[in-house]
Amino acid sequence: MPENVGNILRRHFQSGDYTAAFETIYQNAEEGGVIPWDTPQPAPHLVEWADRENLQGDGQPALVIGCGTGADAEFLAQRGFAVTAFDIAPTAIKMCQDRFPASAVNYQTADLLAAPSEWREQFAFVLESRTLQALPWQMCQPAIEAIASCVRPGGTLLVLCLGRDPQEDKRGIPWALSREELAHFFTCGLTEIEFEDLRHAVPRTLRFACAR
């Protein structure tokens, strides 16, 4: 019988091996459990932004952080990027490969906080969609630093996340980020292009683009 996702997260958090929860969640899904963040289509706020900005890959390298079952990665590949997409959960990567057997995306199992050194400043476009909010808030700053390190000079990072005001509670998973927390990207050498508060929309989102 599949396990409740909340119980999986709590159990792994209490054990001190939180990131292992993601592999457990994907394995649990193979037994009929749910993946709360999984959608068959790319993130609507990504699609809207890409259309508005006329985003074109032209063969440039792109990286998708925490790719899940691959919808966002496939969307960027369709836009012409040479996409590398990774997830910490091997079962998630297997799901991507099974779902898109003819995909041009380079799907890999990797840990954001121990990313391959060859990714440093290598990607023209980096997408972070709702990975930060799925980590304990204590991991936020090192995760931001790891994400920022992958953006090459002249490259762009797009962040999609739940949003909150700074004075609001940030406990729980997923937890919403404030603009102040996202500003840590600036200390990592990135410059803001735009910041949009889309908390009136569904899903309730902050959309944040910056460049190195």
C-alpha atoms as a PDB file:
ATOM      1  CA  MET A   1       0.000   0.000   0.000  1.00  0.00           C
ATOM      2  CA  PRO A   2       1.473   3.413  -0.921  1.00  0.00           C
ATOM      3  CA  GLU A   3       2.597   5.700   1.871  1.00  0.00           C
ATOM      4  CA  ASN A   4       1.389   9.232   2.538  1.00  0.00           C
ATOM      5  CA  VAL A   5       3.892  11.758   1.108  1.00  0.00           C
ATOM      6  CA  GLY A   6       3.775  13.885   4.255  1.00  0.00           C
ATOM      7  CA  ASN A   7       4.791  10.872   6.314  1.00  0.00           C
ATOM      8  CA  ILE A   8       7.689  10.167   3.943  1.00  0.00           C
ATOM      9  CA  LEU A   9       8.977  13.724   4.256  1.00  0.00           C
ATOM     10  CA  ARG A  10       8.678  13.754   8.044  1.00  0.00           C
ATOM     11  CA  ARG A  11      10.388  10.391   8.396  1.00  0.00           C
ATOM     12  CA  HIS A  12      13.364  11.402   6.278  1.00  0.00           C
ATOM     13  CA  PHE A  13      13.638  14.830   7.907  1.00  0.00           C
ATOM     14  CA  GLN A  14      13.742  13.232  11.346  1.00  0.00           C
ATOM     15  CA  SER A  15      16.370  10.740  10.182  1.00  0.00           C
ATOM     16  CA  GLY A  16      18.671  13.543   9.007  1.00  0.00           C
ATOM     17  CA  ASP A  17      18.671  12.250   5.412  1.00  0.00           C
ATOM     18  CA  TYR A  18      16.030  14.540   3.985  1.00  0.00           C
ATOM     19  CA  THR A  19      17.007  14.519   0.308  1.00  0.00           C
ATOM     20  CA  ALA A  20      16.615  10.726   0.211  1.00  0.00           C
ATOM     21  CA  ALA A  21      12.891  11.372   0.618  1.00  0.00           C
ATOM     22  CA  PHE A  22      12.578  12.244  -3.059  1.00  0.00           C
ATOM     23  CA  GLU A  23      13.712   8.825  -4.236  1.00  0.00           C
ATOM     24  CA  THR A  24      11.300   7.245  -1.745  1.00  0.00           C
ATOM     25  CA  ILE A  25       8.448   9.402  -3.103  1.00  0.00           C
ATOM     26  CA  TYR A  26       9.129   8.336  -6.691  1.00  0.00           C
ATOM     27  CA  GLN A  27       9.431   4.685  -5.694  1.00  0.00           C
ATOM     28  CA  ASN A  28       6.193   5.081  -3.748  1.00  0.00           C
ATOM     29  CA  ALA A  29       4.549   6.457  -6.896  1.00  0.00           C
ATOM     30  CA  GLU A  30       5.412   3.262  -8.741  1.00  0.00           C
ATOM     31  CA  GLU A  31       3.251   1.485  -6.146  1.00  0.00           C
ATOM     32  CA  GLY A  32       0.318   3.821  -6.708  1.00  0.00           C
ATOM     33  CA  GLY A  33       1.347   6.790  -4.549  1.00  0.00           C
ATOM     34  CA  VAL A  34       1.218  10.418  -5.624  1.00  0.00           C
ATOM     35  CA  ILE A  35       3.953  12.835  -6.678  1.00  0.00           C
ATOM     36  CA  PRO A  36       2.441  16.123  -5.441  1.00  0.00           C
ATOM     37  CA  TRP A  37       4.408  18.355  -7.802  1.00  0.00           C
ATOM     38  CA  ASP A  38       4.118  16.195 -10.908  1.00  0.00           C
ATOM     39  CA  THR A  39       2.261  17.610 -13.905  1.00  0.00           C
ATOM     40  CA  PRO A  40       2.028  16.235 -17.448  1.00  0.00           C
ATOM     41  CA  GLN A  41       2.526  19.701 -18.930  1.00  0.00           C
ATOM     42  CA  PRO A  42       5.344  22.261 -18.501  1.00  0.00           C
ATOM     43  CA  ALA A  43       4.889  24.910 -15.820  1.00  0.00           C
ATOM     44  CA  PRO A  44       2.382  27.472 -17.138  1.00  0.00           C
ATOM     45  CA  HIS A  45       4.435  30.416 -15.833  1.00  0.00           C
ATOM     46  CA  LEU A  46       7.447  29.066 -17.737  1.00  0.00           C
ATOM     47  CA  VAL A  47       5.460  28.740 -20.956  1.00  0.00           C
ATOM     48  CA  GLU A  48       3.950  32.209 -20.576  1.00  0.00           C
ATOM     49  CA  TRP A  49       7.364  33.792 -19.941  1.00  0.00           C
ATOM     50  CA  ALA A  50       9.013  31.913 -22.815  1.00  0.00           C
ATOM     51  CA  ASP A  51       6.294  33.048 -25.225  1.00  0.00           C
ATOM     52  CA  ARG A  52       6.494  36.638 -24.036  1.00  0.00           C
ATOM     53  CA  GLU A  53      10.289  36.727 -24.263  1.00  0.00           C
ATOM     54  CA  ASN A  54      10.376  34.751 -27.533  1.00  0.00           C
ATOM     55  CA  LEU A  55      12.777  32.352 -25.862  1.00  0.00           C
ATOM     56  CA  GLN A  56      14.874  30.518 -28.463  1.00  0.00           C
ATOM     57  CA  GLY A  57      17.607  28.046 -27.610  1.00  0.00           C
ATOM     58  CA  ASP A  58      19.511  27.998 -30.914  1.00  0.00           C
ATOM     59  CA  GLY A  59      21.436  24.974 -29.678  1.00  0.00           C
ATOM     60  CA  GLN A  60      22.696  26.669 -26.522  1.00  0.00           C
ATOM     61  CA  PRO A  61      23.097  24.601 -23.328  1.00  0.00           C
ATOM     62  CA  ALA A  62      20.310  24.713 -20.736  1.00  0.00           C
ATOM     63  CA  LEU A  63      20.019  23.102 -17.318  1.00  0.00           C
ATOM     64  CA  VAL A  64      16.820  22.089 -15.519  1.00  0.00           C
ATOM     65  CA  ILE A  65      17.176  21.822 -11.730  1.00  0.00           C
ATOM     66  CA  GLY A  66      15.212  18.971 -10.110  1.00  0.00           C
ATOM     67  CA  CYS A  67      13.542  17.946 -13.360  1.00  0.00           C
ATOM     68  CA  GLY A  68      11.006  15.520 -11.880  1.00  0.00           C
ATOM     69  CA  THR A  69       9.283  13.640 -14.696  1.00  0.00           C
ATOM     70  CA  GLY A  70      10.602  15.908 -17.423  1.00  0.00           C
ATOM     71  CA  ALA A  71       7.841  18.176 -18.768  1.00  0.00           C
ATOM     72  CA  ASP A  72       9.838  21.414 -18.373  1.00  0.00           C
ATOM     73  CA  ALA A  73      12.995  19.848 -19.811  1.00  0.00           C
ATOM     74  CA  GLU A  74      11.145  18.632 -22.888  1.00  0.00           C
ATOM     75  CA  PHE A  75       9.585  22.079 -23.352  1.00  0.00           C
ATOM     76  CA  LEU A  76      13.020  23.734 -23.373  1.00  0.00           C
ATOM     77  CA  ALA A  77      14.323  21.120 -25.811  1.00  0.00           C
ATOM     78  CA  GLN A  78      11.406  21.969 -28.108  1.00  0.00           C
ATOM     79  CA  ARG A  79      12.516  25.600 -27.842  1.00  0.00           C
ATOM     80  CA  GLY A  80      15.860  24.602 -29.310  1.00  0.00           C
ATOM     81  CA  PHE A  81      18.084  24.255 -26.245  1.00  0.00           C
ATOM     82  CA  ALA A  82      20.577  21.445 -25.726  1.00  0.00           C
ATOM     83  CA  VAL A  83      19.078  20.451 -22.378  1.00  0.00           C
ATOM     84  CA  THR A  84      20.675  18.723 -19.431  1.00  0.00           C
ATOM     85  CA  ALA A  85      18.091  17.860 -16.787  1.00  0.00           C
ATOM     86  CA  PHE A  86      18.810  16.253 -13.455  1.00  0.00           C
ATOM     87  CA  ASP A  87      17.113  14.999 -10.357  1.00  0.00           C
ATOM     88  CA  ILE A  88      18.468  13.543  -7.138  1.00  0.00           C
ATOM     89  CA  ALA A  89      16.046  10.612  -7.465  1.00  0.00           C
ATOM     90  CA  PRO A  90      17.197   7.851  -9.852  1.00  0.00           C
ATOM     91  CA  THR A  91      13.604   6.674 -10.188  1.00  0.00           C
ATOM     92  CA  ALA A  92      12.563  10.132 -11.427  1.00  0.00           C
ATOM     93  CA  ILE A  93      15.224   9.965 -14.134  1.00  0.00           C
ATOM     94  CA  LYS A  94      14.061   6.491 -15.127  1.00  0.00           C
ATOM     95  CA  MET A  95      10.503   7.849 -15.379  1.00  0.00           C
ATOM     96  CA  CYS A  96      11.750  10.630 -17.700  1.00  0.00           C
ATOM     97  CA  GLN A  97      13.553   8.163 -19.924  1.00  0.00           C
ATOM     98  CA  ASP A  98      10.535   5.836 -20.026  1.00  0.00           C
ATOM     99  CA  ARG A  99       8.142   8.718 -20.689  1.00  0.00           C
ATOM    100  CA  PHE A 100      10.270  10.257 -23.462  1.00  0.00           C
ATOM    101  CA  PRO A 101      12.204   7.360 -25.014  1.00  0.00           C
ATOM    102  CA  ALA A 102      13.226   9.378 -28.084  1.00  0.00           C
ATOM    103  CA  SER A 103      14.129  12.522 -26.124  1.00  0.00           C
ATOM    104  CA  ALA A 104      17.173  14.627 -26.966  1.00  0.00           C
ATOM    105  CA  VAL A 105      17.404  15.724 -23.312  1.00  0.00           C
ATOM    106  CA  ASN A 106      20.427  14.499 -21.356  1.00  0.00           C
ATOM    107  CA  TYR A 107      18.753  13.196 -18.201  1.00  0.00           C
ATOM    108  CA  GLN A 108      21.089  12.591 -15.261  1.00  0.00           C
ATOM    109  CA  THR A 109      20.921  11.635 -11.610  1.00  0.00           C
ATOM    110  CA  ALA A 110      22.747  14.299  -9.602  1.00  0.00           C
ATOM    111  CA  ASP A 111      22.692  16.110  -6.259  1.00  0.00           C
ATOM    112  CA  LEU A 112      22.325  19.880  -6.533  1.00  0.00           C
ATOM    113  CA  LEU A 113      24.532  20.412  -3.491  1.00  0.00           C
ATOM    114  CA  ALA A 114      27.261  18.249  -5.024  1.00  0.00           C
ATOM    115  CA  ALA A 115      26.801  19.154  -8.674  1.00  0.00           C
ATOM    116  CA  PRO A 116      29.425  18.067 -11.228  1.00  0.00           C
ATOM    117  CA  SER A 117      32.296  20.541 -11.387  1.00  0.00           C
ATOM    118  CA  GLU A 118      32.027  20.673 -15.182  1.00  0.00           C
ATOM    119  CA  TRP A 119      28.643  22.388 -14.843  1.00  0.00           C
ATOM    120  CA  ARG A 120      30.196  25.490 -13.322  1.00  0.00           C
ATOM    121  CA  GLU A 121      29.308  28.555 -15.451  1.00  0.00           C
ATOM    122  CA  GLN A 122      28.411  26.327 -18.401  1.00  0.00           C
ATOM    123  CA  PHE A 123      24.729  27.006 -19.110  1.00  0.00           C
ATOM    124  CA  ALA A 124      23.151  29.781 -21.152  1.00  0.00           C
ATOM    125  CA  PHE A 125      19.776  29.149 -19.515  1.00  0.00           C
ATOM    126  CA  VAL A 126      19.044  27.606 -16.118  1.00  0.00           C
ATOM    127  CA  LEU A 127      15.537  26.811 -14.897  1.00  0.00           C
ATOM    128  CA  GLU A 128      14.796  26.429 -11.197  1.00  0.00           C
ATOM    129  CA  SER A 129      11.114  25.584 -10.843  1.00  0.00           C
ATOM    130  CA  ARG A 130       9.922  24.826  -7.291  1.00  0.00           C
ATOM    131  CA  THR A 131      12.972  22.937  -6.081  1.00  0.00           C
ATOM    132  CA  LEU A 132      14.098  25.460  -3.450  1.00  0.00           C
ATOM    133  CA  GLN A 133      10.663  25.425  -1.824  1.00  0.00           C
ATOM    134  CA  ALA A 134      10.799  21.636  -1.515  1.00  0.00           C
ATOM    135  CA  LEU A 135      13.977  21.736   0.584  1.00  0.00           C
ATOM    136  CA  PRO A 136      14.177  22.636   4.279  1.00  0.00           C
ATOM    137  CA  TRP A 137      14.684  26.396   4.477  1.00  0.00           C
ATOM    138  CA  GLN A 138      18.043  25.851   6.181  1.00  0.00           C
ATOM    139  CA  MET A 139      19.311  24.448   2.852  1.00  0.00           C
ATOM    140  CA  CYS A 140      18.144  27.450   0.831  1.00  0.00           C
ATOM    141  CA  GLN A 141      21.337  29.509   0.722  1.00  0.00           C
ATOM    142  CA  PRO A 142      23.691  26.677  -0.304  1.00  0.00           C
ATOM    143  CA  ALA A 143      21.141  25.555  -2.881  1.00  0.00           C
ATOM    144  CA  ILE A 144      20.942  29.087  -4.321  1.00  0.00           C
ATOM    145  CA  GLU A 145      24.731  29.207  -4.493  1.00  0.00           C
ATOM    146  CA  ALA A 146      24.823  25.885  -6.335  1.00  0.00           C
ATOM    147  CA  ILE A 147      22.178  27.002  -8.829  1.00  0.00           C
ATOM    148  CA  ALA A 148      23.865  30.347  -9.481  1.00  0.00           C
ATOM    149  CA  SER A 149      27.215  28.667 -10.098  1.00  0.00           C
ATOM    150  CA  CYS A 150      25.820  26.903 -13.179  1.00  0.00           C
ATOM    151  CA  VAL A 151      24.918  30.126 -15.034  1.00  0.00           C
ATOM    152  CA  ARG A 152      27.571  31.130 -17.531  1.00  0.00           C
ATOM    153  CA  PRO A 153      28.620  34.755 -18.184  1.00  0.00           C
ATOM    154  CA  GLY A 154      25.814  36.319 -20.199  1.00  0.00           C
ATOM    155  CA  GLY A 155      23.466  33.490 -19.227  1.00  0.00           C
ATOM    156  CA  THR A 156      19.975  33.692 -17.735  1.00  0.00           C
ATOM    157  CA  LEU A 157      18.370  32.048 -14.713  1.00  0.00           C
ATOM    158  CA  LEU A 158      14.599  31.783 -14.335  1.00  0.00           C
ATOM    159  CA  VAL A 159      13.211  30.936 -10.890  1.00  0.00           C
ATOM    160  CA  LEU A 160       9.601  29.905 -10.240  1.00  0.00           C
ATOM    161  CA  CYS A 161       8.546  29.449  -6.617  1.00  0.00           C
ATOM    162  CA  LEU A 162       5.772  29.971  -4.134  1.00  0.00           C
ATOM    163  CA  GLY A 163       5.954  33.495  -2.716  1.00  0.00           C
ATOM    164  CA  ARG A 164       5.459  35.075   0.677  1.00  0.00           C
ATOM    165  CA  ASP A 165       6.047  38.375   2.433  1.00  0.00           C
ATOM    166  CA  PRO A 166       9.165  38.441   4.652  1.00  0.00           C
ATOM    167  CA  GLN A 167       7.179  38.583   7.889  1.00  0.00           C
ATOM    168  CA  GLU A 168       5.123  35.519   7.031  1.00  0.00           C
ATOM    169  CA  ASP A 169       5.908  32.102   8.478  1.00  0.00           C
ATOM    170  CA  LYS A 170       8.289  30.029   6.355  1.00  0.00           C
ATOM    171  CA  ARG A 171       7.871  26.673   8.076  1.00  0.00           C
ATOM    172  CA  GLY A 172       6.639  23.581   6.274  1.00  0.00           C
ATOM    173  CA  ILE A 173       7.261  21.855   2.960  1.00  0.00           C
ATOM    174  CA  PRO A 174       6.727  23.314   0.453  1.00  0.00           C
ATOM    175  CA  TRP A 175       7.569  26.681   1.963  1.00  0.00           C
ATOM    176  CA  ALA A 176       7.183  29.960   0.144  1.00  0.00           C
ATOM    177  CA  LEU A 177      10.189  32.207  -0.493  1.00  0.00           C
ATOM    178  CA  SER A 178      10.391  35.966  -0.073  1.00  0.00           C
ATOM    179  CA  ARG A 179      12.142  38.416  -2.356  1.00  0.00           C
ATOM    180  CA  GLU A 180      14.750  38.895   0.380  1.00  0.00           C
ATOM    181  CA  GLU A 181      15.681  35.211   0.252  1.00  0.00           C
ATOM    182  CA  LEU A 182      15.893  35.272  -3.529  1.00  0.00           C
ATOM    183  CA  ALA A 183      18.230  38.265  -3.268  1.00  0.00           C
ATOM    184  CA  HIS A 184      20.974  35.824  -2.248  1.00  0.00           C
ATOM    185  CA  PHE A 185      21.358  35.208  -5.987  1.00  0.00           C
ATOM    186  CA  PHE A 186      22.800  38.739  -6.174  1.00  0.00           C
ATOM    187  CA  THR A 187      25.583  37.909  -3.713  1.00  0.00           C
ATOM    188  CA  CYS A 188      26.396  34.995  -6.042  1.00  0.00           C
ATOM    189  CA  GLY A 189      27.173  37.363  -8.909  1.00  0.00           C
ATOM    190  CA  LEU A 190      23.807  37.507 -10.674  1.00  0.00           C
ATOM    191  CA  THR A 191      21.854  40.647 -11.575  1.00  0.00           C
ATOM    192  CA  GLU A 192      18.087  40.963 -11.560  1.00  0.00           C
ATOM    193  CA  ILE A 193      16.354  41.229 -14.931  1.00  0.00           C
ATOM    194  CA  GLU A 194      12.815  41.178 -13.619  1.00  0.00           C
ATOM    195  CA  PHE A 195      10.755  40.192 -10.595  1.00  0.00           C
ATOM    196  CA  GLU A 196       7.048  39.401 -10.853  1.00  0.00           C
ATOM    197  CA  ASP A 197       4.680  38.736  -7.985  1.00  0.00           C
ATOM    198  CA  LEU A 198       2.089  36.349  -9.434  1.00  0.00           C
ATOM    199  CA  ARG A 199       0.509  35.318  -6.153  1.00  0.00           C
ATOM    200  CA  HIS A 200      -2.868  36.339  -7.547  1.00  0.00           C
ATOM    201  CA  ALA A 201      -2.530  33.636 -10.217  1.00  0.00           C
ATOM    202  CA  VAL A 202      -2.778  29.854 -10.128  1.00  0.00           C
ATOM    203  CA  PRO A 203      -0.385  28.470  -9.136  1.00  0.00           C
ATOM    204  CA  ARG A 204       0.556  31.287  -6.732  1.00  0.00           C
ATOM    205  CA  THR A 205       4.082  32.129  -7.823  1.00  0.00           C
ATOM    206  CA  LEU A 206       7.014  34.477  -7.755  1.00  0.00           C
ATOM    207  CA  ARG A 207       8.743  34.626 -11.143  1.00  0.00           C
ATOM    208  CA  PHE A 208      12.291  35.906 -10.933  1.00  0.00           C
ATOM    209  CA  ALA A 209      14.740  36.240 -13.807  1.00  0.00           C
ATOM    210  CA  CYS A 210      18.373  37.224 -13.446  1.00  0.00           C
ATOM    211  CA  ALA A 211      21.603  37.061 -15.423  1.00  0.00           C
ATOM    212  CA  ARG A 212      25.310  36.732 -14.822  1.00  0.00           C
END
